[in-house]
Amino acid sequence: MKDDQTQPEGDVIEIFAPAKVNVALHVTGQREDGYHTLDSLVMFADVGDHITVRHAPQTELTMTGPMADKTPSGDDNLVLRAAHLIGVTAAITLDKRLPVAAGIGGGSTDAAATLRALSELSGRDIPDDVMSLGADARVCCAAGVGAARMGGIGDMVEPVTNLPELHAVLVNPNVPVVTADVFARLGKRDNTPMPDALPQHCDAAELIEWLRTQRNDLQGPAIDAEPVIEQIFGALEVTPGCLLTRMSGSGATCFGLYADAETAASAAGRLQLSHPSWWVAATRLNPGGGA
């Protein structure tokens, strides 16, 4: 994934923090401690945030970008928590472009990029246990290797190689969705997982056909929590060339899949014109193929 490479310039390092997209998400159970178990196929987009770090005697966070004013800046900011976890002080700049509480791992991908950047800056290893940074933190730490299968409570991550690139449009209504509210509305919690064997060495059309047989079990509960999600599906489904629509994570970001980049870009343009208050991005999922 070209955009995920570190870019050292003296003691300054910049790392791309890609959006995480659950192209399938099955809720398979609930543990006695209340945490839900998942089985999810995750792909990463070529749109996201950027983390820049440089040596400093104490950690300071500066936020820029169109979503900076919507991002928590206190002790609950996952970038600051990631810096504390690895134990490296630095001046950190977060160029925040992804919507927050959107089901595409914005905070977790920023935290993972921070860990990678501070590891590069200091020579320290990324800690083995990153689950304190959220359920998506471990899979986001693996963003550079391409697609992944995420299981358990997010602590089980296996790379999935030889998947094709998909052309997509991501849409978020700029309405945050609280994950706990969505899970609270979930009726059935012991759903079937994905098949043991995932597609490999297939083309984009074959992968999309396989994805039709999979689900996001949080989609219905999320629509109950935020009905605007159903409006997003309606808008995506009527764009020319849309092959499949689905929600990512616990919402409210939804995506449409298309046969090529031109069709996706045309759909994104239409959606931006018809819904100017929405966040819309044409993107590639699994750029480079993850091989």
C-alpha atoms as a PDB file:
ATOM      1  CA  MET A   1       0.000   0.000   0.000  1.00  0.00           C
ATOM      2  CA  LYS A   2       1.963   2.930  -1.306  1.00  0.00           C
ATOM      3  CA  ASP A   3       0.335   5.656   0.801  1.00  0.00           C
ATOM      4  CA  ASP A   4       1.059   3.782   4.039  1.00  0.00           C
ATOM      5  CA  GLN A   5       4.831   4.100   3.750  1.00  0.00           C
ATOM      6  CA  THR A   6       6.686   6.192   6.302  1.00  0.00           C
ATOM      7  CA  GLN A   7       8.246   9.379   5.002  1.00  0.00           C
ATOM      8  CA  PRO A   8      11.238  10.313   7.169  1.00  0.00           C
ATOM      9  CA  GLU A   9      12.741  13.775   6.775  1.00  0.00           C
ATOM     10  CA  GLY A  10      15.435  14.110   9.398  1.00  0.00           C
ATOM     11  CA  ASP A  11      13.597  13.686  12.664  1.00  0.00           C
ATOM     12  CA  VAL A  12      10.145  14.184  11.093  1.00  0.00           C
ATOM     13  CA  ILE A  13       7.981  11.230  10.077  1.00  0.00           C
ATOM     14  CA  GLU A  14       4.604  11.270   8.362  1.00  0.00           C
ATOM     15  CA  ILE A  15       2.340   8.217   8.138  1.00  0.00           C
ATOM     16  CA  PHE A  16      -0.962   7.775   6.350  1.00  0.00           C
ATOM     17  CA  ALA A  17      -3.884   6.548   8.491  1.00  0.00           C
ATOM     18  CA  PRO A  18      -6.305   4.835   6.089  1.00  0.00           C
ATOM     19  CA  ALA A  19     -10.029   4.467   6.638  1.00  0.00           C
ATOM     20  CA  LYS A  20     -10.969   0.967   7.764  1.00  0.00           C
ATOM     21  CA  VAL A  21     -13.945  -0.548   5.963  1.00  0.00           C
ATOM     22  CA  ASN A  22     -15.757  -3.661   7.176  1.00  0.00           C
ATOM     23  CA  VAL A  23     -16.922  -5.166   3.899  1.00  0.00           C
ATOM     24  CA  ALA A  24     -18.512  -7.940   5.983  1.00  0.00           C
ATOM     25  CA  LEU A  25     -19.188  -7.918   9.729  1.00  0.00           C
ATOM     26  CA  HIS A  26     -20.843 -10.828  11.514  1.00  0.00           C
ATOM     27  CA  VAL A  27     -21.673 -10.638  15.232  1.00  0.00           C
ATOM     28  CA  THR A  28     -21.112 -14.181  16.462  1.00  0.00           C
ATOM     29  CA  GLY A  29     -21.698 -13.988  20.207  1.00  0.00           C
ATOM     30  CA  GLN A  30     -21.425 -12.123  23.479  1.00  0.00           C
ATOM     31  CA  ARG A  31     -18.990 -13.017  26.247  1.00  0.00           C
ATOM     32  CA  GLU A  32     -19.811 -13.071  29.945  1.00  0.00           C
ATOM     33  CA  ASP A  33     -17.957  -9.766  30.369  1.00  0.00           C
ATOM     34  CA  GLY A  34     -20.367  -8.145  27.904  1.00  0.00           C
ATOM     35  CA  TYR A  35     -17.988  -7.813  24.956  1.00  0.00           C
ATOM     36  CA  HIS A  36     -19.303  -9.016  21.615  1.00  0.00           C
ATOM     37  CA  THR A  37     -17.363 -11.386  19.390  1.00  0.00           C
ATOM     38  CA  LEU A  38     -17.090 -10.611  15.696  1.00  0.00           C
ATOM     39  CA  ASP A  39     -15.991 -12.140  12.429  1.00  0.00           C
ATOM     40  CA  SER A  40     -15.185  -9.414   9.921  1.00  0.00           C
ATOM     41  CA  LEU A  41     -13.397  -8.936   6.622  1.00  0.00           C
ATOM     42  CA  VAL A  42     -11.630  -5.586   6.741  1.00  0.00           C
ATOM     43  CA  MET A  43     -10.206  -3.686   3.801  1.00  0.00           C
ATOM     44  CA  PHE A  44      -8.402  -0.351   3.916  1.00  0.00           C
ATOM     45  CA  ALA A  45      -9.099   2.661   1.726  1.00  0.00           C
ATOM     46  CA  ASP A  46      -6.794   5.139   0.036  1.00  0.00           C
ATOM     47  CA  VAL A  47      -8.544   8.007   1.841  1.00  0.00           C
ATOM     48  CA  GLY A  48      -7.746   8.807   5.445  1.00  0.00           C
ATOM     49  CA  ASP A  49      -5.931  11.007   7.920  1.00  0.00           C
ATOM     50  CA  HIS A  50      -2.246  11.866   8.234  1.00  0.00           C
ATOM     51  CA  ILE A  51      -0.043  11.716  11.321  1.00  0.00           C
ATOM     52  CA  THR A  52       3.206  13.707  11.510  1.00  0.00           C
ATOM     53  CA  VAL A  53       5.603  13.348  14.442  1.00  0.00           C
ATOM     54  CA  ARG A  54       8.855  15.028  15.409  1.00  0.00           C
ATOM     55  CA  HIS A  55      11.074  14.886  18.476  1.00  0.00           C
ATOM     56  CA  ALA A  56       9.935  17.048  21.396  1.00  0.00           C
ATOM     57  CA  PRO A  57      10.605  17.065  25.158  1.00  0.00           C
ATOM     58  CA  GLN A  58       6.900  16.665  25.892  1.00  0.00           C
ATOM     59  CA  THR A  59       3.965  15.394  23.915  1.00  0.00           C
ATOM     60  CA  GLU A  60       1.835  18.011  22.206  1.00  0.00           C
ATOM     61  CA  LEU A  61      -1.005  17.401  19.763  1.00  0.00           C
ATOM     62  CA  THR A  62      -1.994  19.829  17.020  1.00  0.00           C
ATOM     63  CA  MET A  63      -5.054  19.057  14.914  1.00  0.00           C
ATOM     64  CA  THR A  64      -5.697  20.393  11.442  1.00  0.00           C
ATOM     65  CA  GLY A  65      -8.056  19.434   8.632  1.00  0.00           C
ATOM     66  CA  PRO A  66     -11.796  19.681   8.009  1.00  0.00           C
ATOM     67  CA  MET A  67     -12.770  17.336  10.858  1.00  0.00           C
ATOM     68  CA  ALA A  68     -10.410  18.734  13.484  1.00  0.00           C
ATOM     69  CA  ASP A  69     -13.098  20.676  15.344  1.00  0.00           C
ATOM     70  CA  LYS A  70     -15.226  17.524  15.685  1.00  0.00           C
ATOM     71  CA  THR A  71     -12.425  15.400  17.146  1.00  0.00           C
ATOM     72  CA  PRO A  72     -11.909  15.006  20.921  1.00  0.00           C
ATOM     73  CA  SER A  73      -8.756  16.802  22.037  1.00  0.00           C
ATOM     74  CA  GLY A  74      -8.497  15.788  25.684  1.00  0.00           C
ATOM     75  CA  ASP A  75      -7.167  12.709  27.433  1.00  0.00           C
ATOM     76  CA  ASP A  76      -9.661  10.512  25.554  1.00  0.00           C
ATOM     77  CA  ASN A  77      -8.009  11.367  22.232  1.00  0.00           C
ATOM     78  CA  LEU A  78      -6.637   8.082  20.897  1.00  0.00           C
ATOM     79  CA  VAL A  79      -3.553   9.701  19.385  1.00  0.00           C
ATOM     80  CA  LEU A  80      -2.480  10.953  22.807  1.00  0.00           C
ATOM     81  CA  ARG A  81      -3.332   7.602  24.369  1.00  0.00           C
ATOM     82  CA  ALA A  82      -1.214   5.833  21.738  1.00  0.00           C
ATOM     83  CA  ALA A  83       1.749   8.106  22.490  1.00  0.00           C
ATOM     84  CA  HIS A  84       1.383   7.349  26.190  1.00  0.00           C
ATOM     85  CA  LEU A  85       1.145   3.615  25.491  1.00  0.00           C
ATOM     86  CA  ILE A  86       4.410   3.475  23.559  1.00  0.00           C
ATOM     87  CA  GLY A  87       6.069   5.875  25.978  1.00  0.00           C
ATOM     88  CA  VAL A  88       7.542   8.330  23.455  1.00  0.00           C
ATOM     89  CA  THR A  89       7.227  12.112  23.729  1.00  0.00           C
ATOM     90  CA  ALA A  90       6.787  13.988  20.480  1.00  0.00           C
ATOM     91  CA  ALA A  91       5.125  16.912  18.758  1.00  0.00           C
ATOM     92  CA  ILE A  92       2.265  15.262  16.879  1.00  0.00           C
ATOM     93  CA  THR A  93       0.128  16.754  14.148  1.00  0.00           C
ATOM     94  CA  LEU A  94      -3.105  15.032  13.171  1.00  0.00           C
ATOM     95  CA  ASP A  95      -4.508  16.120   9.812  1.00  0.00           C
ATOM     96  CA  LYS A  96      -8.077  14.964  10.439  1.00  0.00           C
ATOM     97  CA  ARG A  97     -10.102  14.275   7.293  1.00  0.00           C
ATOM     98  CA  LEU A  98     -12.225  11.260   8.241  1.00  0.00           C
ATOM     99  CA  PRO A  99     -15.548  11.800  10.032  1.00  0.00           C
ATOM    100  CA  VAL A 100     -15.656  10.807  13.700  1.00  0.00           C
ATOM    101  CA  ALA A 101     -17.799   8.049  15.262  1.00  0.00           C
ATOM    102  CA  ALA A 102     -18.398   6.884  11.700  1.00  0.00           C
ATOM    103  CA  GLY A 103     -17.726   3.125  11.655  1.00  0.00           C
ATOM    104  CA  ILE A 104     -14.524   3.458   9.627  1.00  0.00           C
ATOM    105  CA  GLY A 105     -12.055   3.310  12.506  1.00  0.00           C
ATOM    106  CA  GLY A 106     -11.048   6.966  12.421  1.00  0.00           C
ATOM    107  CA  GLY A 107      -9.729   7.125  15.969  1.00  0.00           C
ATOM    108  CA  SER A 108      -8.200   3.656  15.850  1.00  0.00           C
ATOM    109  CA  THR A 109      -6.427   4.212  12.538  1.00  0.00           C
ATOM    110  CA  ASP A 110      -5.013   7.484  13.887  1.00  0.00           C
ATOM    111  CA  ALA A 111      -3.793   5.678  16.998  1.00  0.00           C
ATOM    112  CA  ALA A 112      -2.238   2.890  14.930  1.00  0.00           C
ATOM    113  CA  ALA A 113      -0.497   5.390  12.648  1.00  0.00           C
ATOM    114  CA  THR A 114       0.789   7.223  15.725  1.00  0.00           C
ATOM    115  CA  LEU A 115       2.264   3.995  17.089  1.00  0.00           C
ATOM    116  CA  ARG A 116       3.960   3.237  13.766  1.00  0.00           C
ATOM    117  CA  ALA A 117       5.302   6.785  13.474  1.00  0.00           C
ATOM    118  CA  LEU A 118       6.616   6.926  17.045  1.00  0.00           C
ATOM    119  CA  SER A 119       8.149   3.480  16.661  1.00  0.00           C
ATOM    120  CA  GLU A 120       9.988   4.719  13.559  1.00  0.00           C
ATOM    121  CA  LEU A 121      11.006   7.921  15.337  1.00  0.00           C
ATOM    122  CA  SER A 122      12.304   6.270  18.497  1.00  0.00           C
ATOM    123  CA  GLY A 123      13.257   2.727  17.518  1.00  0.00           C
ATOM    124  CA  ARG A 124      10.882   1.326  20.134  1.00  0.00           C
ATOM    125  CA  ASP A 125       8.706  -1.635  19.298  1.00  0.00           C
ATOM    126  CA  ILE A 126       4.955  -1.197  19.043  1.00  0.00           C
ATOM    127  CA  PRO A 127       3.399  -2.754  22.177  1.00  0.00           C
ATOM    128  CA  ASP A 128       1.849  -6.195  21.702  1.00  0.00           C
ATOM    129  CA  ASP A 129      -1.331  -5.243  23.544  1.00  0.00           C
ATOM    130  CA  VAL A 130      -3.068  -2.298  21.889  1.00  0.00           C
ATOM    131  CA  MET A 131      -6.641  -3.219  22.803  1.00  0.00           C
ATOM    132  CA  SER A 132      -6.856  -0.305  25.243  1.00  0.00           C
ATOM    133  CA  LEU A 133      -6.997   1.849  22.086  1.00  0.00           C
ATOM    134  CA  GLY A 134     -10.232   0.248  20.910  1.00  0.00           C
ATOM    135  CA  ALA A 135     -11.536  -2.875  19.220  1.00  0.00           C
ATOM    136  CA  ASP A 136     -10.232  -1.753  15.805  1.00  0.00           C
ATOM    137  CA  ALA A 137      -6.735  -0.854  17.006  1.00  0.00           C
ATOM    138  CA  ARG A 138      -5.078  -4.207  16.314  1.00  0.00           C
ATOM    139  CA  VAL A 139      -6.444  -4.548  12.789  1.00  0.00           C
ATOM    140  CA  CYS A 140      -5.516  -0.925  12.056  1.00  0.00           C
ATOM    141  CA  CYS A 141      -1.960  -1.641  13.177  1.00  0.00           C
ATOM    142  CA  ALA A 142      -1.887  -4.201  10.353  1.00  0.00           C
ATOM    143  CA  ALA A 143      -3.155  -1.714   7.756  1.00  0.00           C
ATOM    144  CA  GLY A 144       0.105  -1.778   5.820  1.00  0.00           C
ATOM    145  CA  VAL A 145      -0.274  -5.441   4.892  1.00  0.00           C
ATOM    146  CA  GLY A 146      -3.623  -5.047   3.136  1.00  0.00           C
ATOM    147  CA  ALA A 147      -6.895  -6.795   3.929  1.00  0.00           C
ATOM    148  CA  ALA A 148      -7.396  -8.721   7.155  1.00  0.00           C
ATOM    149  CA  ARG A 149      -9.844 -10.985   8.930  1.00  0.00           C
ATOM    150  CA  MET A 150     -10.696  -9.698  12.380  1.00  0.00           C
ATOM    151  CA  GLY A 151     -12.147 -12.020  15.002  1.00  0.00           C
ATOM    152  CA  GLY A 152     -12.805 -12.318  18.713  1.00  0.00           C
ATOM    153  CA  ILE A 153     -13.293  -8.885  20.264  1.00  0.00           C
ATOM    154  CA  GLY A 154     -10.907  -7.444  17.691  1.00  0.00           C
ATOM    155  CA  ASP A 155      -7.854  -9.124  19.213  1.00  0.00           C
ATOM    156  CA  MET A 156      -7.554 -11.830  16.526  1.00  0.00           C
ATOM    157  CA  VAL A 157      -6.207 -10.505  13.228  1.00  0.00           C
ATOM    158  CA  GLU A 158      -5.102 -12.562  10.241  1.00  0.00           C
ATOM    159  CA  PRO A 159      -3.824 -11.016   6.987  1.00  0.00           C
ATOM    160  CA  VAL A 160      -5.896 -11.925   3.928  1.00  0.00           C
ATOM    161  CA  THR A 161      -3.737 -11.875   0.824  1.00  0.00           C
ATOM    162  CA  ASN A 162      -4.482 -12.062  -2.881  1.00  0.00           C
ATOM    163  CA  LEU A 163      -7.712 -10.081  -2.778  1.00  0.00           C
ATOM    164  CA  PRO A 164      -8.402  -7.675  -5.625  1.00  0.00           C
ATOM    165  CA  GLU A 165      -8.775  -3.938  -5.423  1.00  0.00           C
ATOM    166  CA  LEU A 166     -12.363  -2.689  -5.180  1.00  0.00           C
ATOM    167  CA  HIS A 167     -13.688   0.684  -6.299  1.00  0.00           C
ATOM    168  CA  ALA A 168     -16.013   2.256  -3.766  1.00  0.00           C
ATOM    169  CA  VAL A 169     -17.795   5.380  -2.641  1.00  0.00           C
ATOM    170  CA  LEU A 170     -17.934   6.057   1.096  1.00  0.00           C
ATOM    171  CA  VAL A 171     -20.812   8.174   2.405  1.00  0.00           C
ATOM    172  CA  ASN A 172     -21.342   9.541   5.895  1.00  0.00           C
ATOM    173  CA  PRO A 173     -24.160  11.960   6.830  1.00  0.00           C
ATOM    174  CA  ASN A 174     -21.914  13.764   9.344  1.00  0.00           C
ATOM    175  CA  VAL A 175     -24.056  12.308  12.106  1.00  0.00           C
ATOM    176  CA  PRO A 176     -22.054  10.451  14.796  1.00  0.00           C
ATOM    177  CA  VAL A 177     -23.299   7.019  15.832  1.00  0.00           C
ATOM    178  CA  VAL A 178     -22.599   5.654  19.309  1.00  0.00           C
ATOM    179  CA  THR A 179     -21.475   2.035  18.987  1.00  0.00           C
ATOM    180  CA  ALA A 180     -22.941   1.062  22.363  1.00  0.00           C
ATOM    181  CA  ASP A 181     -26.376   2.296  21.262  1.00  0.00           C
ATOM    182  CA  VAL A 182     -26.225   0.140  18.135  1.00  0.00           C
ATOM    183  CA  PHE A 183     -25.212  -3.007  20.018  1.00  0.00           C
ATOM    184  CA  ALA A 184     -27.965  -2.346  22.557  1.00  0.00           C
ATOM    185  CA  ARG A 185     -30.500  -2.583  19.714  1.00  0.00           C
ATOM    186  CA  LEU A 186     -29.080  -5.844  18.379  1.00  0.00           C
ATOM    187  CA  GLY A 187     -31.684  -8.598  18.699  1.00  0.00           C
ATOM    188  CA  LYS A 188     -29.715 -11.737  17.780  1.00  0.00           C
ATOM    189  CA  ARG A 189     -26.141 -11.939  19.010  1.00  0.00           C
ATOM    190  CA  ASP A 190     -25.101 -15.491  18.067  1.00  0.00           C
ATOM    191  CA  ASN A 191     -25.102 -15.198  14.292  1.00  0.00           C
ATOM    192  CA  THR A 192     -23.162 -17.417  11.919  1.00  0.00           C
ATOM    193  CA  PRO A 193     -19.550 -16.451  11.129  1.00  0.00           C
ATOM    194  CA  MET A 194     -18.085 -16.095   7.677  1.00  0.00           C
ATOM    195  CA  PRO A 195     -16.969 -19.336   5.988  1.00  0.00           C
ATOM    196  CA  ASP A 196     -13.649 -20.743   7.191  1.00  0.00           C
ATOM    197  CA  ALA A 197     -12.163 -20.255   3.730  1.00  0.00           C
ATOM    198  CA  LEU A 198     -12.318 -16.732   2.349  1.00  0.00           C
ATOM    199  CA  PRO A 199     -12.020 -15.898  -1.356  1.00  0.00           C
ATOM    200  CA  GLN A 200      -8.508 -15.769  -2.784  1.00  0.00           C
ATOM    201  CA  HIS A 201      -7.077 -15.249  -6.248  1.00  0.00           C
ATOM    202  CA  CYS A 202     -10.428 -13.881  -7.439  1.00  0.00           C
ATOM    203  CA  ASP A 203     -11.255 -10.805  -9.469  1.00  0.00           C
ATOM    204  CA  ALA A 204     -13.302  -7.860  -8.222  1.00  0.00           C
ATOM    205  CA  ALA A 205     -16.578  -9.138  -9.722  1.00  0.00           C
ATOM    206  CA  GLU A 206     -16.152 -12.514  -8.027  1.00  0.00           C
ATOM    207  CA  LEU A 207     -15.352 -10.908  -4.686  1.00  0.00           C
ATOM    208  CA  ILE A 208     -18.413  -8.658  -4.906  1.00  0.00           C
ATOM    209  CA  GLU A 209     -20.609 -11.671  -5.682  1.00  0.00           C
ATOM    210  CA  TRP A 210     -19.205 -13.426  -2.613  1.00  0.00           C
ATOM    211  CA  LEU A 211     -19.803 -10.328  -0.480  1.00  0.00           C
ATOM    212  CA  ARG A 212     -23.482 -10.453  -1.469  1.00  0.00           C
ATOM    213  CA  THR A 213     -23.727 -13.685   0.557  1.00  0.00           C
ATOM    214  CA  GLN A 214     -22.274 -12.005   3.658  1.00  0.00           C
ATOM    215  CA  ARG A 215     -23.722  -9.386   6.040  1.00  0.00           C
ATOM    216  CA  ASN A 216     -23.224  -6.567   8.447  1.00  0.00           C
ATOM    217  CA  ASP A 217     -25.289  -7.667  11.435  1.00  0.00           C
ATOM    218  CA  LEU A 218     -25.191  -4.146  12.879  1.00  0.00           C
ATOM    219  CA  GLN A 219     -26.854  -2.552   9.855  1.00  0.00           C
ATOM    220  CA  GLY A 220     -30.462  -2.968  11.016  1.00  0.00           C
ATOM    221  CA  PRO A 221     -29.803  -1.795  14.586  1.00  0.00           C
ATOM    222  CA  ALA A 222     -27.845   1.196  13.259  1.00  0.00           C
ATOM    223  CA  ILE A 223     -30.758   2.219  11.026  1.00  0.00           C
ATOM    224  CA  ASP A 224     -33.026   2.011  14.083  1.00  0.00           C
ATOM    225  CA  ALA A 225     -30.625   4.319  15.925  1.00  0.00           C
ATOM    226  CA  GLU A 226     -30.089   6.747  13.019  1.00  0.00           C
ATOM    227  CA  PRO A 227     -32.750   6.462  10.258  1.00  0.00           C
ATOM    228  CA  VAL A 228     -30.684   8.692   7.960  1.00  0.00           C
ATOM    229  CA  ILE A 229     -28.592   5.593   7.207  1.00  0.00           C
ATOM    230  CA  GLU A 230     -31.506   4.166   5.253  1.00  0.00           C
ATOM    231  CA  GLN A 231     -31.575   7.376   3.226  1.00  0.00           C
ATOM    232  CA  ILE A 232     -27.897   6.875   2.381  1.00  0.00           C
ATOM    233  CA  PHE A 233     -28.625   3.388   1.071  1.00  0.00           C
ATOM    234  CA  GLY A 234     -31.426   4.749  -1.073  1.00  0.00           C
ATOM    235  CA  ALA A 235     -29.145   7.419  -2.533  1.00  0.00           C
ATOM    236  CA  LEU A 236     -26.304   4.963  -3.223  1.00  0.00           C
ATOM    237  CA  GLU A 237     -28.471   2.274  -4.760  1.00  0.00           C
ATOM    238  CA  VAL A 238     -29.766   4.519  -7.541  1.00  0.00           C
ATOM    239  CA  THR A 239     -26.344   5.745  -8.667  1.00  0.00           C
ATOM    240  CA  PRO A 240     -25.514   4.267 -12.071  1.00  0.00           C
ATOM    241  CA  GLY A 241     -23.284   1.204 -11.861  1.00  0.00           C
ATOM    242  CA  CYS A 242     -23.704   0.530  -8.136  1.00  0.00           C
ATOM    243  CA  LEU A 243     -23.161  -3.210  -7.634  1.00  0.00           C
ATOM    244  CA  LEU A 244     -23.518  -3.580  -3.863  1.00  0.00           C
ATOM    245  CA  THR A 245     -24.248  -1.382  -0.853  1.00  0.00           C
ATOM    246  CA  ARG A 246     -23.411  -2.044   2.779  1.00  0.00           C
ATOM    247  CA  MET A 247     -22.650  -0.255   6.033  1.00  0.00           C
ATOM    248  CA  SER A 248     -19.196  -0.293   7.634  1.00  0.00           C
ATOM    249  CA  GLY A 249     -18.729  -1.062  11.323  1.00  0.00           C
ATOM    250  CA  SER A 250     -21.501   0.270  13.514  1.00  0.00           C
ATOM    251  CA  GLY A 251     -22.223   3.132  11.075  1.00  0.00           C
ATOM    252  CA  ALA A 252     -23.145   5.609   9.931  1.00  0.00           C
ATOM    253  CA  THR A 253     -20.711   5.316   7.004  1.00  0.00           C
ATOM    254  CA  CYS A 254     -22.069   3.244   4.130  1.00  0.00           C
ATOM    255  CA  PHE A 255     -20.394   2.285   0.893  1.00  0.00           C
ATOM    256  CA  GLY A 256     -21.280   1.386  -2.654  1.00  0.00           C
ATOM    257  CA  LEU A 257     -19.081  -0.820  -4.839  1.00  0.00           C
ATOM    258  CA  TYR A 258     -18.541  -0.141  -8.549  1.00  0.00           C
ATOM    259  CA  ALA A 259     -16.817  -1.830 -11.463  1.00  0.00           C
ATOM    260  CA  ASP A 260     -14.199   0.865 -12.031  1.00  0.00           C
ATOM    261  CA  ALA A 261     -12.778   4.125 -10.734  1.00  0.00           C
ATOM    262  CA  GLU A 262     -14.582   6.295 -13.288  1.00  0.00           C
ATOM    263  CA  THR A 263     -18.015   4.953 -12.355  1.00  0.00           C
ATOM    264  CA  ALA A 264     -17.253   5.400  -8.657  1.00  0.00           C
ATOM    265  CA  ALA A 265     -16.043   8.972  -9.199  1.00  0.00           C
ATOM    266  CA  SER A 266     -19.188   9.801 -11.191  1.00  0.00           C
ATOM    267  CA  ALA A 267     -21.383   8.397  -8.414  1.00  0.00           C
ATOM    268  CA  ALA A 268     -19.489  10.391  -5.786  1.00  0.00           C
ATOM    269  CA  GLY A 269     -19.975  13.571  -7.814  1.00  0.00           C
ATOM    270  CA  ARG A 270     -23.707  12.977  -8.077  1.00  0.00           C
ATOM    271  CA  LEU A 271     -24.013  12.346  -4.342  1.00  0.00           C
ATOM    272  CA  GLN A 272     -22.006  15.442  -3.434  1.00  0.00           C
ATOM    273  CA  LEU A 273     -24.292  17.577  -5.588  1.00  0.00           C
ATOM    274  CA  SER A 274     -27.528  16.074  -4.288  1.00  0.00           C
ATOM    275  CA  HIS A 275     -26.457  15.903  -0.614  1.00  0.00           C
ATOM    276  CA  PRO A 276     -23.923  18.688   0.007  1.00  0.00           C
ATOM    277  CA  SER A 277     -24.050  18.223   3.794  1.00  0.00           C
ATOM    278  CA  TRP A 278     -22.809  14.626   3.543  1.00  0.00           C
ATOM    279  CA  TRP A 279     -19.179  13.492   3.572  1.00  0.00           C
ATOM    280  CA  VAL A 280     -18.603  11.641   0.296  1.00  0.00           C
ATOM    281  CA  ALA A 281     -15.355  10.073  -0.943  1.00  0.00           C
ATOM    282  CA  ALA A 282     -14.587   7.950  -3.983  1.00  0.00           C
ATOM    283  CA  THR A 283     -11.836   5.524  -3.024  1.00  0.00           C
ATOM    284  CA  ARG A 284     -10.058   2.275  -3.687  1.00  0.00           C
ATOM    285  CA  LEU A 285     -10.307  -0.517  -1.130  1.00  0.00           C
ATOM    286  CA  ASN A 286      -7.208  -2.694  -0.765  1.00  0.00           C
ATOM    287  CA  PRO A 287      -5.138  -0.538  -3.122  1.00  0.00           C
ATOM    288  CA  GLY A 288      -2.269  -2.570  -4.519  1.00  0.00           C
ATOM    289  CA  GLY A 289      -4.245  -5.793  -4.106  1.00  0.00           C
ATOM    290  CA  GLY A 290      -2.715  -6.753  -0.772  1.00  0.00           C
ATOM    291  CA  ALA A 291      -0.671  -9.488  -2.447  1.00  0.00           C
END
